[in-house]
Amino acid sequence: MSILKNGYSIDHENGIVKMTKDFAKNAKRATSPEYRLLKRIKRDFPDITVERRTVAYRKKKQVERVPYSDMEKYIGYLRDKEQYFTEMRQLKEFAPSKSKAYALVNEWFLATFPDYKKFPRFDSEGFLIFTLKDAASETQLHAVEPSTPKAS
């Protein structure tokens, strides 16, 4: 059963009239052609059910957004903080624009520190204990050397 150009369709097998939002809105007015049509359908098929068509929309995946200040604060408690600050700075500089830089750094931060939202634990020296991402699932940005053709 598909909605036709006229805004409604009839499913005789299941006894259902499905209508679009616009058709339903117009059918509320007693002087409209949609109202007269719906009334005629109900007269011809008294047991038919009238339903409004619903469209299932895909939800966008929400990406957690961590402010730069929170990233820097978190990294500041790490033993190798200089290494991570350097990586963060390089990612910012690598991006083509300021908004792209944030998205790139945010993605890197969440991938590098998956325990970010968990309750923090500190070692005896006051450094943050964290779980590093798996090396197998790690994605790195690196330059690709151009392949040289083999001499035959």
N, C-alpha and C. Protein backbone atom coordinates (compact mmCIF):
# COMPACT_ATOMS: atom_id res chain seq x y z
N MET A 1 0.84 -1.17 0.00
CA MET A 1 0.00 0.00 0.00
C MET A 1 0.89 1.24 0.00
N SER A 2 0.67 2.12 -0.96
CA SER A 2 1.46 3.34 -1.00
C SER A 2 0.54 4.54 -1.06
N ILE A 3 1.00 5.64 -0.49
CA ILE A 3 0.22 6.87 -0.51
C ILE A 3 0.32 7.44 -1.92
N LEU A 4 -0.81 7.71 -2.51
CA LEU A 4 -0.84 8.24 -3.87
C LEU A 4 -0.65 9.74 -3.86
N LYS A 5 -0.54 10.32 -5.02
CA LYS A 5 -0.35 11.77 -5.15
C LYS A 5 -1.49 12.55 -4.52
N ASN A 6 -2.66 11.95 -4.43
CA ASN A 6 -3.82 12.67 -3.91
C ASN A 6 -3.85 12.72 -2.38
N GLY A 7 -2.88 12.08 -1.68
CA GLY A 7 -2.77 12.22 -0.23
C GLY A 7 -3.40 11.11 0.59
N TYR A 8 -3.95 10.09 -0.04
CA TYR A 8 -4.53 9.00 0.73
C TYR A 8 -4.41 7.70 -0.06
N SER A 9 -4.58 6.60 0.63
CA SER A 9 -4.64 5.30 -0.02
C SER A 9 -5.57 4.40 0.80
N ILE A 10 -6.17 3.46 0.12
CA ILE A 10 -7.09 2.55 0.78
C ILE A 10 -6.51 1.14 0.74
N ASP A 11 -6.42 0.52 1.91
CA ASP A 11 -5.97 -0.86 2.03
C ASP A 11 -7.22 -1.69 2.34
N HIS A 12 -7.83 -2.26 1.30
CA HIS A 12 -9.08 -3.01 1.47
C HIS A 12 -8.86 -4.29 2.26
N GLU A 13 -7.66 -4.89 2.12
CA GLU A 13 -7.36 -6.13 2.82
C GLU A 13 -7.45 -5.96 4.33
N ASN A 14 -6.87 -4.88 4.84
CA ASN A 14 -6.84 -4.63 6.29
C ASN A 14 -7.90 -3.64 6.74
N GLY A 15 -8.66 -3.08 5.81
CA GLY A 15 -9.72 -2.13 6.15
C GLY A 15 -9.20 -0.83 6.71
N ILE A 16 -8.19 -0.27 6.04
CA ILE A 16 -7.55 0.97 6.54
C ILE A 16 -7.46 1.99 5.42
N VAL A 17 -7.78 3.23 5.76
CA VAL A 17 -7.51 4.36 4.87
C VAL A 17 -6.37 5.12 5.53
N LYS A 18 -5.27 5.25 4.81
CA LYS A 18 -4.13 6.02 5.31
C LYS A 18 -4.08 7.34 4.57
N MET A 19 -3.84 8.40 5.33
CA MET A 19 -3.78 9.72 4.69
C MET A 19 -2.57 10.49 5.20
N THR A 20 -2.15 11.42 4.36
CA THR A 20 -1.00 12.26 4.72
C THR A 20 -1.43 13.33 5.70
N LYS A 21 -0.45 14.02 6.25
CA LYS A 21 -0.71 15.09 7.20
C LYS A 21 -1.54 16.20 6.56
N ASP A 22 -1.19 16.58 5.34
CA ASP A 22 -1.91 17.65 4.64
C ASP A 22 -3.35 17.24 4.34
N PHE A 23 -3.53 16.00 3.90
CA PHE A 23 -4.87 15.52 3.61
C PHE A 23 -5.73 15.54 4.88
N ALA A 24 -5.17 15.09 5.99
CA ALA A 24 -5.90 15.07 7.26
C ALA A 24 -6.26 16.49 7.70
N LYS A 25 -5.33 17.42 7.52
CA LYS A 25 -5.58 18.82 7.89
C LYS A 25 -6.74 19.39 7.06
N ASN A 26 -6.71 19.13 5.76
CA ASN A 26 -7.77 19.63 4.88
C ASN A 26 -9.10 18.93 5.14
N ALA A 27 -9.05 17.66 5.53
CA ALA A 27 -10.28 16.89 5.77
C ALA A 27 -11.03 17.38 7.00
N LYS A 28 -10.40 18.19 7.83
CA LYS A 28 -11.07 18.74 9.01
C LYS A 28 -12.07 19.82 8.65
N ARG A 29 -11.88 20.45 7.49
CA ARG A 29 -12.80 21.50 7.04
C ARG A 29 -13.97 20.88 6.28
N ALA A 30 -15.16 21.13 6.74
CA ALA A 30 -16.35 20.51 6.16
C ALA A 30 -16.61 20.93 4.72
N THR A 31 -16.02 22.02 4.29
CA THR A 31 -16.26 22.49 2.92
C THR A 31 -15.19 22.01 1.93
N SER A 32 -14.22 21.25 2.40
CA SER A 32 -13.13 20.84 1.53
C SER A 32 -13.46 19.58 0.74
N PRO A 33 -12.82 19.40 -0.43
CA PRO A 33 -13.02 18.18 -1.21
C PRO A 33 -12.53 16.94 -0.45
N GLU A 34 -11.47 17.10 0.38
CA GLU A 34 -10.95 15.98 1.16
C GLU A 34 -11.98 15.48 2.16
N TYR A 35 -12.70 16.41 2.79
CA TYR A 35 -13.75 16.04 3.75
C TYR A 35 -14.85 15.25 3.04
N ARG A 36 -15.28 15.76 1.90
CA ARG A 36 -16.36 15.08 1.14
C ARG A 36 -15.91 13.68 0.70
N LEU A 37 -14.66 13.56 0.26
CA LEU A 37 -14.14 12.26 -0.17
C LEU A 37 -14.08 11.28 1.00
N LEU A 38 -13.58 11.74 2.13
CA LEU A 38 -13.47 10.88 3.31
C LEU A 38 -14.86 10.46 3.80
N LYS A 39 -15.81 11.37 3.72
CA LYS A 39 -17.19 11.06 4.12
C LYS A 39 -17.77 10.00 3.19
N ARG A 40 -17.51 10.12 1.90
CA ARG A 40 -18.02 9.14 0.92
C ARG A 40 -17.38 7.76 1.15
N ILE A 41 -16.08 7.73 1.46
CA ILE A 41 -15.40 6.46 1.74
C ILE A 41 -15.99 5.81 2.98
N LYS A 42 -16.22 6.60 4.03
CA LYS A 42 -16.80 6.07 5.27
C LYS A 42 -18.22 5.56 5.04
N ARG A 43 -18.96 6.21 4.14
CA ARG A 43 -20.32 5.77 3.82
C ARG A 43 -20.27 4.44 3.06
N ASP A 44 -19.36 4.31 2.11
CA ASP A 44 -19.25 3.09 1.31
C ASP A 44 -18.66 1.92 2.11
N PHE A 45 -17.75 2.25 3.03
CA PHE A 45 -17.10 1.22 3.84
C PHE A 45 -17.21 1.61 5.32
N PRO A 46 -18.34 1.33 5.96
CA PRO A 46 -18.57 1.80 7.34
C PRO A 46 -17.58 1.23 8.37
N ASP A 47 -17.01 0.06 8.11
CA ASP A 47 -16.10 -0.55 9.09
C ASP A 47 -14.64 -0.18 8.86
N ILE A 48 -14.39 0.67 7.91
CA ILE A 48 -13.00 1.02 7.58
C ILE A 48 -12.42 1.95 8.67
N THR A 49 -11.14 1.79 8.94
CA THR A 49 -10.43 2.61 9.93
C THR A 49 -9.62 3.67 9.19
N VAL A 50 -9.65 4.88 9.73
CA VAL A 50 -8.90 5.97 9.12
C VAL A 50 -7.67 6.25 9.99
N GLU A 51 -6.50 6.25 9.36
CA GLU A 51 -5.25 6.50 10.07
C GLU A 51 -4.43 7.55 9.33
N ARG A 52 -3.65 8.28 10.12
CA ARG A 52 -2.70 9.21 9.51
C ARG A 52 -1.39 8.49 9.29
N ARG A 53 -0.82 8.68 8.14
CA ARG A 53 0.45 8.06 7.80
C ARG A 53 1.56 8.65 8.67
N THR A 54 2.40 7.78 9.22
CA THR A 54 3.53 8.25 10.00
C THR A 54 4.81 7.86 9.28
N VAL A 55 5.79 8.72 9.38
CA VAL A 55 7.07 8.48 8.73
C VAL A 55 8.10 8.26 9.83
N ALA A 56 8.84 7.18 9.72
CA ALA A 56 9.90 6.89 10.69
C ALA A 56 11.16 7.63 10.26
N TYR A 57 11.62 8.52 11.10
CA TYR A 57 12.83 9.28 10.81
C TYR A 57 14.00 8.64 11.54
N ARG A 58 15.13 8.65 10.88
CA ARG A 58 16.34 8.14 11.53
C ARG A 58 16.87 9.21 12.45
N LYS A 59 17.23 8.80 13.63
CA LYS A 59 17.81 9.75 14.57
C LYS A 59 19.29 9.92 14.25
N LYS A 60 19.73 11.16 14.33
CA LYS A 60 21.15 11.42 14.13
C LYS A 60 21.91 10.92 15.36
N LYS A 61 23.05 10.34 15.10
CA LYS A 61 23.89 9.88 16.19
C LYS A 61 24.50 11.12 16.86
N GLN A 62 24.24 11.25 18.14
CA GLN A 62 24.77 12.39 18.88
C GLN A 62 26.20 12.10 19.30
N VAL A 63 27.10 12.96 18.92
CA VAL A 63 28.50 12.83 19.29
C VAL A 63 28.73 13.67 20.53
N GLU A 64 29.35 13.06 21.52
CA GLU A 64 29.64 13.80 22.74
C GLU A 64 30.62 14.92 22.41
N ARG A 65 30.33 16.11 22.91
CA ARG A 65 31.19 17.26 22.65
C ARG A 65 31.88 17.65 23.96
N VAL A 66 33.20 17.50 23.97
CA VAL A 66 34.00 17.83 25.15
C VAL A 66 34.70 19.16 24.87
N PRO A 67 34.47 20.18 25.71
CA PRO A 67 35.14 21.47 25.47
C PRO A 67 36.66 21.34 25.57
N TYR A 68 37.36 22.20 24.83
CA TYR A 68 38.82 22.20 24.88
C TYR A 68 39.33 22.31 26.33
N SER A 69 38.67 23.16 27.11
CA SER A 69 39.14 23.38 28.50
C SER A 69 39.07 22.08 29.31
N ASP A 70 38.03 21.27 29.10
CA ASP A 70 37.92 19.99 29.81
C ASP A 70 38.97 18.99 29.31
N MET A 71 39.23 19.02 27.99
CA MET A 71 40.26 18.13 27.44
C MET A 71 41.61 18.48 28.05
N GLU A 72 41.93 19.78 28.08
CA GLU A 72 43.22 20.22 28.60
C GLU A 72 43.35 19.92 30.09
N LYS A 73 42.27 20.08 30.83
CA LYS A 73 42.28 19.78 32.26
C LYS A 73 42.55 18.29 32.47
N TYR A 74 41.88 17.44 31.72
CA TYR A 74 42.05 15.99 31.82
C TYR A 74 43.48 15.58 31.47
N ILE A 75 43.95 16.10 30.35
CA ILE A 75 45.31 15.75 29.89
C ILE A 75 46.36 16.26 30.89
N GLY A 76 46.07 17.38 31.55
CA GLY A 76 47.00 17.96 32.52
C GLY A 76 47.31 17.03 33.69
N TYR A 77 46.45 16.08 33.97
CA TYR A 77 46.66 15.13 35.07
C TYR A 77 47.39 13.87 34.64
N LEU A 78 47.75 13.76 33.38
CA LEU A 78 48.41 12.55 32.88
C LEU A 78 49.92 12.62 33.06
N ARG A 79 50.52 11.48 33.23
CA ARG A 79 51.98 11.39 33.38
C ARG A 79 52.67 11.88 32.10
N ASP A 80 52.16 11.51 30.94
CA ASP A 80 52.76 11.90 29.65
C ASP A 80 52.00 13.07 29.03
N LYS A 81 51.67 14.05 29.85
CA LYS A 81 50.82 15.15 29.37
C LYS A 81 51.44 15.91 28.20
N GLU A 82 52.74 16.09 28.19
CA GLU A 82 53.38 16.84 27.10
C GLU A 82 53.17 16.15 25.76
N GLN A 83 53.26 14.84 25.75
CA GLN A 83 53.05 14.06 24.52
C GLN A 83 51.61 14.28 24.00
N TYR A 84 50.64 14.21 24.91
CA TYR A 84 49.24 14.36 24.50
C TYR A 84 48.91 15.81 24.11
N PHE A 85 49.50 16.78 24.81
CA PHE A 85 49.30 18.18 24.42
C PHE A 85 49.89 18.43 23.03
N THR A 86 51.03 17.81 22.74
CA THR A 86 51.65 17.95 21.42
C THR A 86 50.74 17.36 20.35
N GLU A 87 50.20 16.16 20.61
CA GLU A 87 49.28 15.53 19.65
C GLU A 87 48.07 16.42 19.41
N MET A 88 47.52 16.97 20.48
CA MET A 88 46.34 17.82 20.39
C MET A 88 46.65 19.07 19.55
N ARG A 89 47.79 19.69 19.82
CA ARG A 89 48.19 20.89 19.07
C ARG A 89 48.38 20.57 17.59
N GLN A 90 49.01 19.42 17.29
CA GLN A 90 49.24 19.02 15.91
C GLN A 90 47.92 18.78 15.17
N LEU A 91 46.96 18.17 15.85
CA LEU A 91 45.65 17.95 15.23
C LEU A 91 44.95 19.27 14.92
N LYS A 92 45.05 20.22 15.85
CA LYS A 92 44.45 21.54 15.63
C LYS A 92 45.07 22.21 14.40
N GLU A 93 46.38 22.12 14.27
CA GLU A 93 47.09 22.75 13.16
C GLU A 93 46.84 22.01 11.85
N PHE A 94 46.62 20.71 11.91
CA PHE A 94 46.41 19.89 10.73
C PHE A 94 45.08 20.19 10.04
N ALA A 95 44.06 20.55 10.82
CA ALA A 95 42.70 20.74 10.28
C ALA A 95 42.63 21.95 9.36
N PRO A 96 41.79 21.86 8.31
CA PRO A 96 41.67 22.95 7.35
C PRO A 96 40.94 24.19 7.88
N SER A 97 40.10 24.03 8.91
CA SER A 97 39.39 25.18 9.47
C SER A 97 39.23 25.00 10.98
N LYS A 98 38.81 26.07 11.64
CA LYS A 98 38.68 26.04 13.10
C LYS A 98 37.61 25.04 13.54
N SER A 99 36.47 25.00 12.85
CA SER A 99 35.40 24.07 13.24
C SER A 99 35.81 22.63 12.96
N LYS A 100 36.52 22.41 11.88
CA LYS A 100 37.00 21.06 11.57
C LYS A 100 38.05 20.63 12.59
N ALA A 101 38.84 21.59 13.07
CA ALA A 101 39.86 21.30 14.07
C ALA A 101 39.20 20.78 15.34
N TYR A 102 38.13 21.44 15.77
CA TYR A 102 37.44 20.99 16.98
C TYR A 102 36.92 19.57 16.80
N ALA A 103 36.26 19.30 15.68
CA ALA A 103 35.70 17.97 15.43
C ALA A 103 36.79 16.91 15.43
N LEU A 104 37.91 17.24 14.81
CA LEU A 104 39.04 16.30 14.73
C LEU A 104 39.63 16.03 16.11
N VAL A 105 39.85 17.09 16.88
CA VAL A 105 40.43 16.95 18.22
C VAL A 105 39.45 16.23 19.14
N ASN A 106 38.17 16.57 19.05
CA ASN A 106 37.16 15.92 19.89
C ASN A 106 37.11 14.41 19.62
N GLU A 107 37.12 14.05 18.35
CA GLU A 107 37.10 12.63 17.97
C GLU A 107 38.35 11.92 18.49
N TRP A 108 39.51 12.54 18.33
CA TRP A 108 40.76 11.97 18.83
C TRP A 108 40.71 11.80 20.35
N PHE A 109 40.23 12.83 21.05
CA PHE A 109 40.19 12.79 22.51
C PHE A 109 39.30 11.65 23.01
N LEU A 110 38.11 11.54 22.45
CA LEU A 110 37.18 10.49 22.89
C LEU A 110 37.70 9.09 22.54
N ALA A 111 38.39 8.97 21.41
CA ALA A 111 38.96 7.67 21.03
C ALA A 111 40.18 7.33 21.88
N THR A 112 40.98 8.32 22.21
CA THR A 112 42.19 8.09 22.99
C THR A 112 41.89 7.83 24.46
N PHE A 113 40.91 8.52 24.99
CA PHE A 113 40.58 8.40 26.41
C PHE A 113 39.14 7.92 26.58
N PRO A 114 38.89 6.63 26.35
CA PRO A 114 37.52 6.12 26.44
C PRO A 114 36.96 6.17 27.86
N ASP A 115 37.84 6.27 28.88
CA ASP A 115 37.39 6.32 30.28
C ASP A 115 37.13 7.75 30.74
N TYR A 116 37.11 8.70 29.84
CA TYR A 116 36.99 10.12 30.20
C TYR A 116 35.82 10.38 31.15
N LYS A 117 34.67 9.80 30.90
CA LYS A 117 33.49 10.06 31.71
C LYS A 117 33.41 9.22 32.99
N LYS A 118 34.30 8.24 33.12
CA LYS A 118 34.28 7.39 34.31
C LYS A 118 34.92 8.11 35.49
N PHE A 119 34.64 7.59 36.68
CA PHE A 119 35.19 8.17 37.89
C PHE A 119 36.72 8.10 37.84
N PRO A 120 37.43 9.22 38.05
CA PRO A 120 38.88 9.21 37.90
C PRO A 120 39.58 8.48 39.05
N ARG A 121 40.69 7.83 38.71
CA ARG A 121 41.55 7.19 39.71
C ARG A 121 42.94 7.78 39.53
N PHE A 122 43.63 7.97 40.65
CA PHE A 122 44.96 8.57 40.62
C PHE A 122 45.96 7.63 41.26
N ASP A 123 47.20 7.65 40.74
CA ASP A 123 48.25 6.82 41.35
C ASP A 123 48.83 7.56 42.56
N SER A 124 49.84 6.94 43.19
CA SER A 124 50.42 7.51 44.42
C SER A 124 51.11 8.86 44.18
N GLU A 125 51.49 9.13 42.93
CA GLU A 125 52.16 10.39 42.63
C GLU A 125 51.16 11.47 42.18
N GLY A 126 49.87 11.16 42.14
CA GLY A 126 48.86 12.13 41.79
C GLY A 126 48.53 12.20 40.31
N PHE A 127 49.06 11.26 39.53
CA PHE A 127 48.76 11.24 38.09
C PHE A 127 47.51 10.40 37.84
N LEU A 128 46.77 10.76 36.84
CA LEU A 128 45.55 10.08 36.47
C LEU A 128 45.86 8.71 35.88
N ILE A 129 45.12 7.69 36.32
CA ILE A 129 45.26 6.35 35.75
C ILE A 129 44.14 6.22 34.72
N PHE A 130 44.49 5.88 33.49
CA PHE A 130 43.49 5.77 32.43
C PHE A 130 43.78 4.57 31.57
N THR A 131 42.76 4.11 30.85
CA THR A 131 42.90 2.99 29.93
C THR A 131 43.21 3.55 28.55
N LEU A 132 44.33 3.14 28.00
CA LEU A 132 44.70 3.60 26.65
C LEU A 132 43.94 2.77 25.64
N LYS A 133 43.59 3.37 24.54
CA LYS A 133 42.87 2.64 23.49
C LYS A 133 43.71 1.49 22.97
N ASP A 134 43.03 0.47 22.43
CA ASP A 134 43.73 -0.68 21.86
C ASP A 134 44.56 -0.25 20.66
N ALA A 135 45.75 -0.78 20.55
CA ALA A 135 46.60 -0.48 19.40
C ALA A 135 45.99 -1.05 18.13
N ALA A 136 45.24 -2.17 18.26
CA ALA A 136 44.64 -2.81 17.09
C ALA A 136 43.52 -1.95 16.50
N SER A 137 42.75 -1.27 17.37
CA SER A 137 41.64 -0.47 16.87
C SER A 137 42.02 0.99 16.68
N GLU A 138 43.27 1.32 16.95
CA GLU A 138 43.74 2.71 16.84
C GLU A 138 43.78 3.17 15.39
N THR A 139 43.24 4.34 15.17
CA THR A 139 43.34 4.93 13.84
C THR A 139 44.28 6.12 13.94
N GLN A 140 45.23 6.19 13.08
CA GLN A 140 46.20 7.27 13.12
C GLN A 140 46.17 8.05 11.82
N LEU A 141 46.44 9.32 11.95
CA LEU A 141 46.58 10.17 10.78
C LEU A 141 48.06 10.18 10.43
N HIS A 142 48.39 9.77 9.24
CA HIS A 142 49.79 9.79 8.84
C HIS A 142 49.87 9.99 7.34
N ALA A 143 51.02 10.46 6.92
CA ALA A 143 51.23 10.68 5.50
C ALA A 143 51.49 9.33 4.84
N VAL A 144 50.96 9.15 3.66
CA VAL A 144 51.16 7.92 2.92
C VAL A 144 52.23 8.16 1.87
N GLU A 145 53.23 7.31 1.88
CA GLU A 145 54.30 7.43 0.89
C GLU A 145 53.75 7.03 -0.47
N PRO A 146 54.05 7.77 -1.52
CA PRO A 146 53.58 7.36 -2.83
C PRO A 146 54.28 6.08 -3.25
N SER A 147 53.52 5.18 -3.85
CA SER A 147 54.12 3.92 -4.27
C SER A 147 54.93 4.12 -5.54
N THR A 148 56.06 3.45 -5.57
CA THR A 148 56.91 3.56 -6.75
C THR A 148 56.68 2.33 -7.62
N PRO A 149 56.56 2.51 -8.92
CA PRO A 149 56.32 1.36 -9.79
C PRO A 149 57.53 0.43 -9.80
N LYS A 150 57.25 -0.87 -9.83
CA LYS A 150 58.33 -1.85 -9.84
C LYS A 150 58.96 -1.89 -11.23
N ALA A 151 60.28 -1.99 -11.21
CA ALA A 151 61.01 -2.08 -12.50
C ALA A 151 60.89 -3.52 -13.00
N SER A 152 60.56 -3.72 -14.28
CA SER A 152 60.40 -5.06 -14.82
C SER A 152 61.63 -5.47 -15.58
